[in-house]
PDB file of N, CA and C in Angstrom:
ATOM      1  N   MET A   1      69.047-101.620  26.031  1.00  0.00           N
ATOM      2  CA  MET A   1      69.044-100.187  25.992  1.00  0.00           C
ATOM      3  C   MET A   1      67.876 -99.727  25.119  1.00  0.00           C
ATOM      4  N   SER A   2      67.077 -98.904  25.668  1.00  0.00           N
ATOM      5  CA  SER A   2      65.895 -98.400  24.978  1.00  0.00           C
ATOM      6  C   SER A   2      66.169 -96.991  24.457  1.00  0.00           C
ATOM      7  N   ARG A   3      65.797 -96.772  23.189  1.00  0.00           N
ATOM      8  CA  ARG A   3      65.939 -95.435  22.609  1.00  0.00           C
ATOM      9  C   ARG A   3      64.574 -94.878  22.308  1.00  0.00           C
ATOM     10  N   ARG A   4      64.395 -93.683  22.697  1.00  0.00           N
ATOM     11  CA  ARG A   4      63.133 -93.017  22.422  1.00  0.00           C
ATOM     12  C   ARG A   4      63.238 -92.318  21.064  1.00  0.00           C
ATOM     13  N   ILE A   5      62.331 -92.631  20.177  1.00  0.00           N
ATOM     14  CA  ILE A   5      62.345 -92.041  18.849  1.00  0.00           C
ATOM     15  C   ILE A   5      61.256 -90.989  18.770  1.00  0.00           C
ATOM     16  N   LEU A   6      61.662 -89.790  18.406  1.00  0.00           N
ATOM     17  CA  LEU A   6      60.708 -88.711  18.225  1.00  0.00           C
ATOM     18  C   LEU A   6      60.396 -88.589  16.745  1.00  0.00           C
ATOM     19  N   GLN A   7      59.135 -88.629  16.444  1.00  0.00           N
ATOM     20  CA  GLN A   7      58.738 -88.470  15.056  1.00  0.00           C
ATOM     21  C   GLN A   7      58.449 -86.998  14.807  1.00  0.00           C
ATOM     22  N   ARG A   8      59.101 -86.448  13.808  1.00  0.00           N
ATOM     23  CA  ARG A   8      58.908 -85.047  13.457  1.00  0.00           C
ATOM     24  C   ARG A   8      58.495 -84.960  12.005  1.00  0.00           C
ATOM     25  N   PHE A   9      57.686 -83.973  11.721  1.00  0.00           N
ATOM     26  CA  PHE A   9      57.231 -83.753  10.359  1.00  0.00           C
ATOM     27  C   PHE A   9      57.805 -82.432   9.867  1.00  0.00           C
ATOM     28  N   PRO A  10      58.137 -82.368   8.585  1.00  0.00           N
ATOM     29  CA  PRO A  10      58.672 -81.106   8.076  1.00  0.00           C
ATOM     30  C   PRO A  10      57.615 -80.009   8.109  1.00  0.00           C
ATOM     31  N   GLU A  11      58.077 -78.811   8.390  1.00  0.00           N
ATOM     32  CA  GLU A  11      57.183 -77.655   8.338  1.00  0.00           C
ATOM     33  C   GLU A  11      57.174 -77.140   6.899  1.00  0.00           C
ATOM     34  N   ILE A  12      56.009 -77.060   6.295  1.00  0.00           N
ATOM     35  CA  ILE A  12      55.890 -76.569   4.929  1.00  0.00           C
ATOM     36  C   ILE A  12      55.689 -75.060   4.988  1.00  0.00           C
ATOM     37  N   LEU A  13      56.660 -74.336   4.459  1.00  0.00           N
ATOM     38  CA  LEU A  13      56.614 -72.876   4.484  1.00  0.00           C
ATOM     39  C   LEU A  13      55.748 -72.362   3.342  1.00  0.00           C
ATOM     40  N   GLN A  14      54.993 -71.333   3.590  1.00  0.00           N
ATOM     41  CA  GLN A  14      54.081 -70.775   2.593  1.00  0.00           C
ATOM     42  C   GLN A  14      54.757 -69.742   1.691  1.00  0.00           C
ATOM     43  N   GLY A  15      55.744 -69.075   2.176  1.00  0.00           N
ATOM     44  CA  GLY A  15      56.422 -68.050   1.384  1.00  0.00           C
ATOM     45  C   GLY A  15      55.691 -66.721   1.451  1.00  0.00           C
ATOM     46  N   ILE A  16      56.455 -65.657   1.414  1.00  0.00           N
ATOM     47  CA  ILE A  16      55.914 -64.301   1.450  1.00  0.00           C
ATOM     48  C   ILE A  16      56.261 -63.630   0.122  1.00  0.00           C
ATOM     49  N   PRO A  17      55.251 -63.133  -0.610  1.00  0.00           N
ATOM     50  CA  PRO A  17      55.537 -62.475  -1.889  1.00  0.00           C
ATOM     51  C   PRO A  17      56.382 -61.205  -1.687  1.00  0.00           C
ATOM     52  N   LEU A  18      57.456 -61.098  -2.476  1.00  0.00           N
ATOM     53  CA  LEU A  18      58.295 -59.901  -2.456  1.00  0.00           C
ATOM     54  C   LEU A  18      57.945 -58.972  -3.619  1.00  0.00           C
ATOM     55  N   ASP A  19      57.502 -59.570  -4.712  1.00  0.00           N
ATOM     56  CA  ASP A  19      57.076 -58.847  -5.906  1.00  0.00           C
ATOM     57  C   ASP A  19      56.212 -59.819  -6.709  1.00  0.00           C
ATOM     58  N   PRO A  20      55.718 -59.443  -7.877  1.00  0.00           N
ATOM     59  CA  PRO A  20      54.824 -60.350  -8.621  1.00  0.00           C
ATOM     60  C   PRO A  20      55.465 -61.678  -9.016  1.00  0.00           C
ATOM     61  N   TYR A  21      56.810 -61.767  -8.996  1.00  0.00           N
ATOM     62  CA  TYR A  21      57.491 -62.962  -9.477  1.00  0.00           C
ATOM     63  C   TYR A  21      58.233 -63.752  -8.407  1.00  0.00           C
ATOM     64  N   THR A  22      58.433 -63.167  -7.229  1.00  0.00           N
ATOM     65  CA  THR A  22      59.332 -63.756  -6.235  1.00  0.00           C
ATOM     66  C   THR A  22      58.645 -63.954  -4.889  1.00  0.00           C
ATOM     67  N   LYS A  23      58.880 -65.134  -4.299  1.00  0.00           N
ATOM     68  CA  LYS A  23      58.428 -65.436  -2.938  1.00  0.00           C
ATOM     69  C   LYS A  23      59.646 -65.748  -2.084  1.00  0.00           C
ATOM     70  N   ARG A  24      59.607 -65.313  -0.826  1.00  0.00           N
ATOM     71  CA  ARG A  24      60.681 -65.591   0.126  1.00  0.00           C
ATOM     72  C   ARG A  24      60.215 -66.639   1.129  1.00  0.00           C
ATOM     73  N   TYR A  25      61.073 -67.621   1.349  1.00  0.00           N
ATOM     74  CA  TYR A  25      60.825 -68.688   2.313  1.00  0.00           C
ATOM     75  C   TYR A  25      61.862 -68.560   3.420  1.00  0.00           C
ATOM     76  N   SER A  26      61.395 -68.223   4.623  1.00  0.00           N
ATOM     77  CA  SER A  26      62.283 -68.030   5.768  1.00  0.00           C
ATOM     78  C   SER A  26      62.004 -69.108   6.804  1.00  0.00           C
ATOM     79  N   PRO A  27      62.950 -70.025   7.001  1.00  0.00           N
ATOM     80  CA  PRO A  27      62.754 -71.060   8.019  1.00  0.00           C
ATOM     81  C   PRO A  27      62.825 -70.446   9.418  1.00  0.00           C
ATOM     82  N   PRO A  28      62.418 -71.190  10.436  1.00  0.00           N
ATOM     83  CA  PRO A  28      62.381 -70.628  11.792  1.00  0.00           C
ATOM     84  C   PRO A  28      63.750 -70.591  12.484  1.00  0.00           C
ATOM     85  N   PHE A  29      64.797 -70.263  11.747  1.00  0.00           N
ATOM     86  CA  PHE A  29      66.129 -70.059  12.313  1.00  0.00           C
ATOM     87  C   PHE A  29      66.848 -69.025  11.447  1.00  0.00           C
ATOM     88  N   ASP A  30      67.991 -68.533  11.920  1.00  0.00           N
ATOM     89  CA  ASP A  30      68.621 -67.365  11.302  1.00  0.00           C
ATOM     90  C   ASP A  30      69.638 -67.652  10.209  1.00  0.00           C
ATOM     91  N   GLU A  31      70.009 -68.917   9.971  1.00  0.00           N
ATOM     92  CA  GLU A  31      71.134 -69.182   9.095  1.00  0.00           C
ATOM     93  C   GLU A  31      70.915 -68.775   7.633  1.00  0.00           C
ATOM     94  N   PHE A  32      69.741 -69.039   7.065  1.00  0.00           N
ATOM     95  CA  PHE A  32      69.533 -68.721   5.660  1.00  0.00           C
ATOM     96  C   PHE A  32      68.058 -68.540   5.355  1.00  0.00           C
ATOM     97  N   GLU A  33      67.791 -68.079   4.135  1.00  0.00           N
ATOM     98  CA  GLU A  33      66.445 -68.008   3.587  1.00  0.00           C
ATOM     99  C   GLU A  33      66.561 -68.281   2.090  1.00  0.00           C
ATOM    100  N   VAL A  34      65.444 -68.597   1.462  1.00  0.00           N
ATOM    101  CA  VAL A  34      65.442 -68.930   0.038  1.00  0.00           C
ATOM    102  C   VAL A  34      64.373 -68.098  -0.659  1.00  0.00           C
ATOM    103  N   ASP A  35      64.753 -67.492  -1.784  1.00  0.00           N
ATOM    104  CA  ASP A  35      63.795 -66.798  -2.648  1.00  0.00           C
ATOM    105  C   ASP A  35      63.571 -67.661  -3.877  1.00  0.00           C
ATOM    106  N   CYS A  36      62.322 -67.826  -4.270  1.00  0.00           N
ATOM    107  CA  CYS A  36      61.962 -68.529  -5.499  1.00  0.00           C
ATOM    108  C   CYS A  36      61.403 -67.506  -6.471  1.00  0.00           C
ATOM    109  N   CYS A  37      61.990 -67.443  -7.660  1.00  0.00           N
ATOM    110  CA  CYS A  37      61.579 -66.460  -8.667  1.00  0.00           C
ATOM    111  C   CYS A  37      61.145 -67.201  -9.929  1.00  0.00           C
ATOM    112  N   VAL A  38      59.930 -66.918 -10.384  1.00  0.00           N
ATOM    113  CA  VAL A  38      59.400 -67.497 -11.620  1.00  0.00           C
ATOM    114  C   VAL A  38      59.064 -66.335 -12.539  1.00  0.00           C
ATOM    115  N   LEU A  39      59.856 -66.191 -13.594  1.00  0.00           N
ATOM    116  CA  LEU A  39      59.690 -65.071 -14.520  1.00  0.00           C
ATOM    117  C   LEU A  39      59.089 -65.548 -15.840  1.00  0.00           C
ATOM    118  N   PRO A  40      57.998 -64.924 -16.276  1.00  0.00           N
ATOM    119  CA  PRO A  40      57.468 -65.244 -17.600  1.00  0.00           C
ATOM    120  C   PRO A  40      58.340 -64.589 -18.682  1.00  0.00           C
ATOM    121  N   GLN A  41      58.157 -65.050 -19.884  1.00  0.00           N
ATOM    122  CA  GLN A  41      58.923 -64.550 -21.016  1.00  0.00           C
ATOM    123  C   GLN A  41      58.876 -63.018 -21.094  1.00  0.00           C
ATOM    124  N   ARG A  42      60.028 -62.393 -21.311  1.00  0.00           N
ATOM    125  CA  ARG A  42      60.241 -60.953 -21.449  1.00  0.00           C
ATOM    126  C   ARG A  42      60.066 -60.152 -20.150  1.00  0.00           C
ATOM    127  N   ALA A  43      59.854 -60.818 -19.029  1.00  0.00           N
ATOM    128  CA  ALA A  43      59.759 -60.101 -17.747  1.00  0.00           C
ATOM    129  C   ALA A  43      61.164 -59.861 -17.187  1.00  0.00           C
ATOM    130  N   THR A  44      61.263 -58.855 -16.309  1.00  0.00           N
ATOM    131  CA  THR A  44      62.528 -58.498 -15.666  1.00  0.00           C
ATOM    132  C   THR A  44      62.273 -58.288 -14.180  1.00  0.00           C
ATOM    133  N   THR A  45      63.252 -58.659 -13.360  1.00  0.00           N
ATOM    134  CA  THR A  45      63.152 -58.405 -11.927  1.00  0.00           C
ATOM    135  C   THR A  45      64.530 -58.045 -11.391  1.00  0.00           C
ATOM    136  N   VAL A  46      64.541 -57.414 -10.218  1.00  0.00           N
ATOM    137  CA  VAL A  46      65.785 -57.004  -9.575  1.00  0.00           C
ATOM    138  C   VAL A  46      65.865 -57.665  -8.207  1.00  0.00           C
ATOM    139  N   PHE A  47      67.010 -58.278  -7.918  1.00  0.00           N
ATOM    140  CA  PHE A  47      67.326 -58.756  -6.579  1.00  0.00           C
ATOM    141  C   PHE A  47      68.205 -57.687  -5.952  1.00  0.00           C
ATOM    142  N   PRO A  48      67.689 -56.943  -4.967  1.00  0.00           N
ATOM    143  CA  PRO A  48      68.469 -55.849  -4.368  1.00  0.00           C
ATOM    144  C   PRO A  48      69.742 -56.374  -3.705  1.00  0.00           C
ATOM    145  N   ALA A  49      70.724 -55.505  -3.584  1.00  0.00           N
ATOM    146  CA  ALA A  49      71.961 -55.840  -2.883  1.00  0.00           C
ATOM    147  C   ALA A  49      71.635 -56.155  -1.423  1.00  0.00           C
ATOM    148  N   ILE A  50      72.294 -57.177  -0.884  1.00  0.00           N
ATOM    149  CA  ILE A  50      72.121 -57.526   0.526  1.00  0.00           C
ATOM    150  C   ILE A  50      73.492 -57.593   1.201  1.00  0.00           C
ATOM    151  N   SER A  51      73.499 -57.611   2.519  1.00  0.00           N
ATOM    152  CA  SER A  51      74.742 -57.564   3.299  1.00  0.00           C
ATOM    153  C   SER A  51      75.328 -58.939   3.557  1.00  0.00           C
ATOM    154  N   GLY A  52      75.079 -59.871   2.662  1.00  0.00           N
ATOM    155  CA  GLY A  52      75.638 -61.208   2.790  1.00  0.00           C
ATOM    156  C   GLY A  52      75.739 -61.850   1.415  1.00  0.00           C
ATOM    157  N   PRO A  53      76.527 -62.910   1.293  1.00  0.00           N
ATOM    158  CA  PRO A  53      76.658 -63.593   0.009  1.00  0.00           C
ATOM    159  C   PRO A  53      75.420 -64.416  -0.318  1.00  0.00           C
ATOM    160  N   SER A  54      75.253 -64.744  -1.602  1.00  0.00           N
ATOM    161  CA  SER A  54      74.119 -65.559  -2.061  1.00  0.00           C
ATOM    162  C   SER A  54      74.590 -66.552  -3.114  1.00  0.00           C
ATOM    163  N   ILE A  55      73.807 -67.601  -3.253  1.00  0.00           N
ATOM    164  CA  ILE A  55      73.996 -68.545  -4.358  1.00  0.00           C
ATOM    165  C   ILE A  55      72.687 -68.597  -5.113  1.00  0.00           C
ATOM    166  N   PHE A  56      72.765 -68.534  -6.433  1.00  0.00           N
ATOM    167  CA  PHE A  56      71.600 -68.646  -7.302  1.00  0.00           C
ATOM    168  C   PHE A  56      71.685 -69.955  -8.072  1.00  0.00           C
ATOM    169  N   ILE A  57      70.536 -70.619  -8.228  1.00  0.00           N
ATOM    170  CA  ILE A  57      70.444 -71.862  -8.990  1.00  0.00           C
ATOM    171  C   ILE A  57      69.282 -71.713  -9.964  1.00  0.00           C
ATOM    172  N   VAL A  58      69.551 -71.923 -11.257  1.00  0.00           N
ATOM    173  CA  VAL A  58      68.514 -71.842 -12.281  1.00  0.00           C
ATOM    174  C   VAL A  58      67.996 -73.256 -12.529  1.00  0.00           C
ATOM    175  N   THR A  59      66.687 -73.464 -12.328  1.00  0.00           N
ATOM    176  CA  THR A  59      66.116 -74.805 -12.483  1.00  0.00           C
ATOM    177  C   THR A  59      65.395 -75.001 -13.805  1.00  0.00           C
ATOM    178  N   SER A  60      65.048 -73.916 -14.495  1.00  0.00           N
ATOM    179  CA  SER A  60      64.448 -74.063 -15.823  1.00  0.00           C
ATOM    180  C   SER A  60      64.484 -72.736 -16.556  1.00  0.00           C
ATOM    181  N   GLY A  61      64.410 -72.820 -17.894  1.00  0.00           N
ATOM    182  CA  GLY A  61      64.316 -71.630 -18.728  1.00  0.00           C
ATOM    183  C   GLY A  61      65.657 -71.024 -19.090  1.00  0.00           C
ATOM    184  N   GLN A  62      65.566 -69.821 -19.672  1.00  0.00           N
ATOM    185  CA  GLN A  62      66.749 -69.078 -20.086  1.00  0.00           C
ATOM    186  C   GLN A  62      66.558 -67.605 -19.767  1.00  0.00           C
ATOM    187  N   GLY A  63      67.665 -66.926 -19.516  1.00  0.00           N
ATOM    188  CA  GLY A  63      67.609 -65.503 -19.251  1.00  0.00           C
ATOM    189  C   GLY A  63      68.972 -64.874 -19.302  1.00  0.00           C
ATOM    190  N   LYS A  64      69.021 -63.615 -18.892  1.00  0.00           N
ATOM    191  CA  LYS A  64      70.263 -62.845 -18.837  1.00  0.00           C
ATOM    192  C   LYS A  64      70.362 -62.204 -17.462  1.00  0.00           C
ATOM    193  N   MET A  65      71.600 -62.126 -16.948  1.00  0.00           N
ATOM    194  CA  MET A  65      71.854 -61.512 -15.654  1.00  0.00           C
ATOM    195  C   MET A  65      72.775 -60.321 -15.860  1.00  0.00           C
ATOM    196  N   GLN A  66      72.502 -59.251 -15.115  1.00  0.00           N
ATOM    197  CA  GLN A  66      73.345 -58.071 -15.200  1.00  0.00           C
ATOM    198  C   GLN A  66      73.659 -57.586 -13.787  1.00  0.00           C
ATOM    199  N   THR A  67      74.920 -57.193 -13.569  1.00  0.00           N
ATOM    200  CA  THR A  67      75.356 -56.549 -12.331  1.00  0.00           C
ATOM    201  C   THR A  67      76.113 -55.283 -12.722  1.00  0.00           C
ATOM    202  N   GLU A  68      76.611 -54.553 -11.742  1.00  0.00           N
ATOM    203  CA  GLU A  68      77.415 -53.369 -12.043  1.00  0.00           C
ATOM    204  C   GLU A  68      78.682 -53.735 -12.805  1.00  0.00           C
ATOM    205  N   SER A  69      79.226 -54.923 -12.528  1.00  0.00           N
ATOM    206  CA  SER A  69      80.503 -55.299 -13.125  1.00  0.00           C
ATOM    207  C   SER A  69      80.379 -56.234 -14.326  1.00  0.00           C
ATOM    208  N   SER A  70      79.181 -56.734 -14.621  1.00  0.00           N
ATOM    209  CA  SER A  70      79.033 -57.626 -15.777  1.00  0.00           C
ATOM    210  C   SER A  70      77.721 -57.334 -16.493  1.00  0.00           C
ATOM    211  N   ASN A  71      77.718 -57.538 -17.784  1.00  0.00           N
ATOM    212  CA  ASN A  71      76.532 -57.290 -18.589  1.00  0.00           C
ATOM    213  C   ASN A  71      76.083 -58.557 -19.288  1.00  0.00           C
ATOM    214  N   ASN A  72      74.805 -58.840 -19.205  1.00  0.00           N
ATOM    215  CA  ASN A  72      74.156 -59.877 -19.989  1.00  0.00           C
ATOM    216  C   ASN A  72      74.834 -61.242 -19.949  1.00  0.00           C
ATOM    217  N   GLU A  73      75.153 -61.701 -18.744  1.00  0.00           N
ATOM    218  CA  GLU A  73      75.644 -63.064 -18.575  1.00  0.00           C
ATOM    219  C   GLU A  73      74.485 -64.014 -18.839  1.00  0.00           C
ATOM    220  N   GLU A  74      74.712 -65.044 -19.610  1.00  0.00           N
ATOM    221  CA  GLU A  74      73.642 -65.983 -19.968  1.00  0.00           C
ATOM    222  C   GLU A  74      73.304 -66.899 -18.795  1.00  0.00           C
ATOM    223  N   LEU A  75      72.009 -67.092 -18.582  1.00  0.00           N
ATOM    224  CA  LEU A  75      71.504 -68.030 -17.579  1.00  0.00           C
ATOM    225  C   LEU A  75      70.707 -69.102 -18.301  1.00  0.00           C
ATOM    226  N   LYS A  76      70.838 -70.333 -17.859  1.00  0.00           N
ATOM    227  CA  LYS A  76      70.041 -71.423 -18.414  1.00  0.00           C
ATOM    228  C   LYS A  76      69.904 -72.505 -17.359  1.00  0.00           C
ATOM    229  N   GLU A  77      69.007 -73.441 -17.604  1.00  0.00           N
ATOM    230  CA  GLU A  77      68.785 -74.540 -16.667  1.00  0.00           C
ATOM    231  C   GLU A  77      70.120 -75.177 -16.287  1.00  0.00           C
ATOM    232  N   GLY A  78      70.330 -75.307 -14.979  1.00  0.00           N
ATOM    233  CA  GLY A  78      71.569 -75.883 -14.468  1.00  0.00           C
ATOM    234  C   GLY A  78      72.621 -74.861 -14.082  1.00  0.00           C
ATOM    235  N   SER A  79      72.422 -73.586 -14.445  1.00  0.00           N
ATOM    236  CA  SER A  79      73.389 -72.545 -14.069  1.00  0.00           C
ATOM    237  C   SER A  79      73.372 -72.349 -12.558  1.00  0.00           C
ATOM    238  N   VAL A  80      74.555 -72.220 -11.983  1.00  0.00           N
ATOM    239  CA  VAL A  80      74.708 -71.911 -10.564  1.00  0.00           C
ATOM    240  C   VAL A  80      75.725 -70.784 -10.491  1.00  0.00           C
ATOM    241  N   PHE A  81      75.410 -69.719  -9.757  1.00  0.00           N
ATOM    242  CA  PHE A  81      76.366 -68.639  -9.641  1.00  0.00           C
ATOM    243  C   PHE A  81      76.358 -68.053  -8.245  1.00  0.00           C
ATOM    244  N   PHE A  82      77.531 -67.591  -7.829  1.00  0.00           N
ATOM    245  CA  PHE A  82      77.758 -66.993  -6.521  1.00  0.00           C
ATOM    246  C   PHE A  82      77.691 -65.478  -6.667  1.00  0.00           C
ATOM    247  N   VAL A  83      77.010 -64.829  -5.730  1.00  0.00           N
ATOM    248  CA  VAL A  83      76.905 -63.369  -5.737  1.00  0.00           C
ATOM    249  C   VAL A  83      77.493 -62.843  -4.429  1.00  0.00           C
ATOM    250  N   PRO A  84      78.542 -62.009  -4.511  1.00  0.00           N
ATOM    251  CA  PRO A  84      79.135 -61.454  -3.292  1.00  0.00           C
ATOM    252  C   PRO A  84      78.209 -60.450  -2.600  1.00  0.00           C
ATOM    253  N   ILE A  85      78.585 -60.065  -1.398  1.00  0.00           N
ATOM    254  CA  ILE A  85      77.788 -59.097  -0.636  1.00  0.00           C
ATOM    255  C   ILE A  85      77.651 -57.794  -1.414  1.00  0.00           C
ATOM    256  N   ASP A  86      76.590 -57.062  -1.108  1.00  0.00           N
ATOM    257  CA  ASP A  86      76.337 -55.729  -1.666  1.00  0.00           C
ATOM    258  C   ASP A  86      76.342 -55.684  -3.197  1.00  0.00           C
ATOM    259  N   THR A  87      75.771 -56.717  -3.841  1.00  0.00           N
ATOM    260  CA  THR A  87      75.706 -56.768  -5.304  1.00  0.00           C
ATOM    261  C   THR A  87      74.257 -56.884  -5.753  1.00  0.00           C
ATOM    262  N   GLN A  88      73.792 -55.888  -6.469  1.00  0.00           N
ATOM    263  CA  GLN A  88      72.436 -55.925  -7.026  1.00  0.00           C
ATOM    264  C   GLN A  88      72.464 -56.749  -8.316  1.00  0.00           C
ATOM    265  N   ILE A  89      71.441 -57.582  -8.503  1.00  0.00           N
ATOM    266  CA  ILE A  89      71.336 -58.442  -9.685  1.00  0.00           C
ATOM    267  C   ILE A  89      70.045 -58.100 -10.419  1.00  0.00           C
ATOM    268  N   THR A  90      70.136 -57.884 -11.723  1.00  0.00           N
ATOM    269  CA  THR A  90      68.953 -57.710 -12.570  1.00  0.00           C
ATOM    270  C   THR A  90      68.852 -58.944 -13.458  1.00  0.00           C
ATOM    271  N   ILE A  91      67.672 -59.560 -13.472  1.00  0.00           N
ATOM    272  CA  ILE A  91      67.437 -60.762 -14.269  1.00  0.00           C
ATOM    273  C   ILE A  91      66.372 -60.443 -15.315  1.00  0.00           C
ATOM    274  N   ALA A  92      66.676 -60.760 -16.567  1.00  0.00           N
ATOM    275  CA  ALA A  92      65.723 -60.602 -17.669  1.00  0.00           C
ATOM    276  C   ALA A  92      65.448 -61.984 -18.246  1.00  0.00           C
ATOM    277  N   CYS A  93      64.175 -62.325 -18.389  1.00  0.00           N
ATOM    278  CA  CYS A  93      63.781 -63.643 -18.866  1.00  0.00           C
ATOM    279  C   CYS A  93      63.724 -63.674 -20.391  1.00  0.00           C
ATOM    280  N   ILE A  94      64.262 -64.739 -20.959  1.00  0.00           N
ATOM    281  CA  ILE A  94      64.133 -65.000 -22.389  1.00  0.00           C
ATOM    282  C   ILE A  94      63.052 -66.061 -22.597  1.00  0.00           C
ATOM    283  N   SER A  95      63.107 -67.110 -21.768  1.00  0.00           N
ATOM    284  CA  SER A  95      62.164 -68.222 -21.903  1.00  0.00           C
ATOM    285  C   SER A  95      61.823 -68.771 -20.522  1.00  0.00           C
ATOM    286  N   ASP A  96      60.588 -68.513 -20.045  1.00  0.00           N
ATOM    287  CA  ASP A  96      60.061 -68.997 -18.763  1.00  0.00           C
ATOM    288  C   ASP A  96      61.145 -69.465 -17.791  1.00  0.00           C
ATOM    289  N   LEU A  97      61.674 -68.546 -17.043  1.00  0.00           N
ATOM    290  CA  LEU A  97      62.817 -68.765 -16.165  1.00  0.00           C
ATOM    291  C   LEU A  97      62.362 -69.017 -14.730  1.00  0.00           C
ATOM    292  N   GLN A  98      62.934 -70.047 -14.101  1.00  0.00           N
ATOM    293  CA  GLN A  98      62.710 -70.290 -12.679  1.00  0.00           C
ATOM    294  C   GLN A  98      64.074 -70.422 -12.026  1.00  0.00           C
ATOM    295  N   LEU A  99      64.272 -69.638 -10.948  1.00  0.00           N
ATOM    296  CA  LEU A  99      65.533 -69.711 -10.231  1.00  0.00           C
ATOM    297  C   LEU A  99      65.306 -69.509  -8.747  1.00  0.00           C
ATOM    298  N   TYR A 100      66.313 -69.919  -7.983  1.00  0.00           N
ATOM    299  CA  TYR A 100      66.275 -69.811  -6.525  1.00  0.00           C
ATOM    300  C   TYR A 100      67.525 -69.083  -6.058  1.00  0.00           C
ATOM    301  N   ARG A 101      67.345 -68.243  -5.044  1.00  0.00           N
ATOM    302  CA  ARG A 101      68.457 -67.583  -4.377  1.00  0.00           C
ATOM    303  C   ARG A 101      68.472 -68.038  -2.932  1.00  0.00           C
ATOM    304  N   ALA A 102      69.613 -68.565  -2.475  1.00  0.00           N
ATOM    305  CA  ALA A 102      69.787 -68.913  -1.066  1.00  0.00           C
ATOM    306  C   ALA A 102      70.832 -67.977  -0.492  1.00  0.00           C
ATOM    307  N   GLY A 103      70.498 -67.354   0.625  1.00  0.00           N
ATOM    308  CA  GLY A 103      71.430 -66.422   1.248  1.00  0.00           C
ATOM    309  C   GLY A 103      71.177 -66.302   2.735  1.00  0.00           C
ATOM    310  N   VAL A 104      71.989 -65.503   3.377  1.00  0.00           N
ATOM    311  CA  VAL A 104      71.844 -65.262   4.819  1.00  0.00           C
ATOM    312  C   VAL A 104      70.461 -64.665   5.086  1.00  0.00           C
ATOM    313  N   ASN A 105      69.819 -65.122   6.117  1.00  0.00           N
ATOM    314  CA  ASN A 105      68.490 -64.638   6.483  1.00  0.00           C
ATOM    315  C   ASN A 105      68.532 -63.123   6.698  1.00  0.00           C
ATOM    316  N   SER A 106      67.656 -62.404   6.019  1.00  0.00           N
ATOM    317  CA  SER A 106      67.639 -60.937   6.113  1.00  0.00           C
ATOM    318  C   SER A 106      67.345 -60.440   7.523  1.00  0.00           C
ATOM    319  N   LYS A 107      66.680 -61.242   8.337  1.00  0.00           N
ATOM    320  CA  LYS A 107      66.446 -60.857   9.740  1.00  0.00           C
ATOM    321  C   LYS A 107      67.739 -60.894  10.527  1.00  0.00           C
ATOM    322  N   PHE A 108      68.665 -61.731  10.102  1.00  0.00           N
ATOM    323  CA  PHE A 108      69.959 -61.881  10.777  1.00  0.00           C
ATOM    324  C   PHE A 108      70.886 -60.715  10.465  1.00  0.00           C
ATOM    325  N   LEU A 109      70.753 -60.171   9.243  1.00  0.00           N
ATOM    326  CA  LEU A 109      71.625 -59.063   8.831  1.00  0.00           C
ATOM    327  C   LEU A 109      71.083 -57.806   9.392  1.00  0.00           C
TER     328      LEU A 109
END
């Protein structure tokens, strides 16, 4: 029995700048997209509310997160948090913060 093997290479996405600190990476399908945010010390950014849930992962640095229902939750390397639909997030950097948001593709919503 002969099997045909197709060799495929990953597509490297370039990302589209959303603001001075954040790039969006949208794969060629509708299930999800990823935002990468790199905040320098004392910078602040806002992730607008979206019509789907998100997961945030902090890969380095320290900061504070604020929503309508919570104030100044501490963020640090290794933090992972779930954000429900229609929730705006404000992130303030304390020490060179890098985080990622994975959520439903905005083209799908």
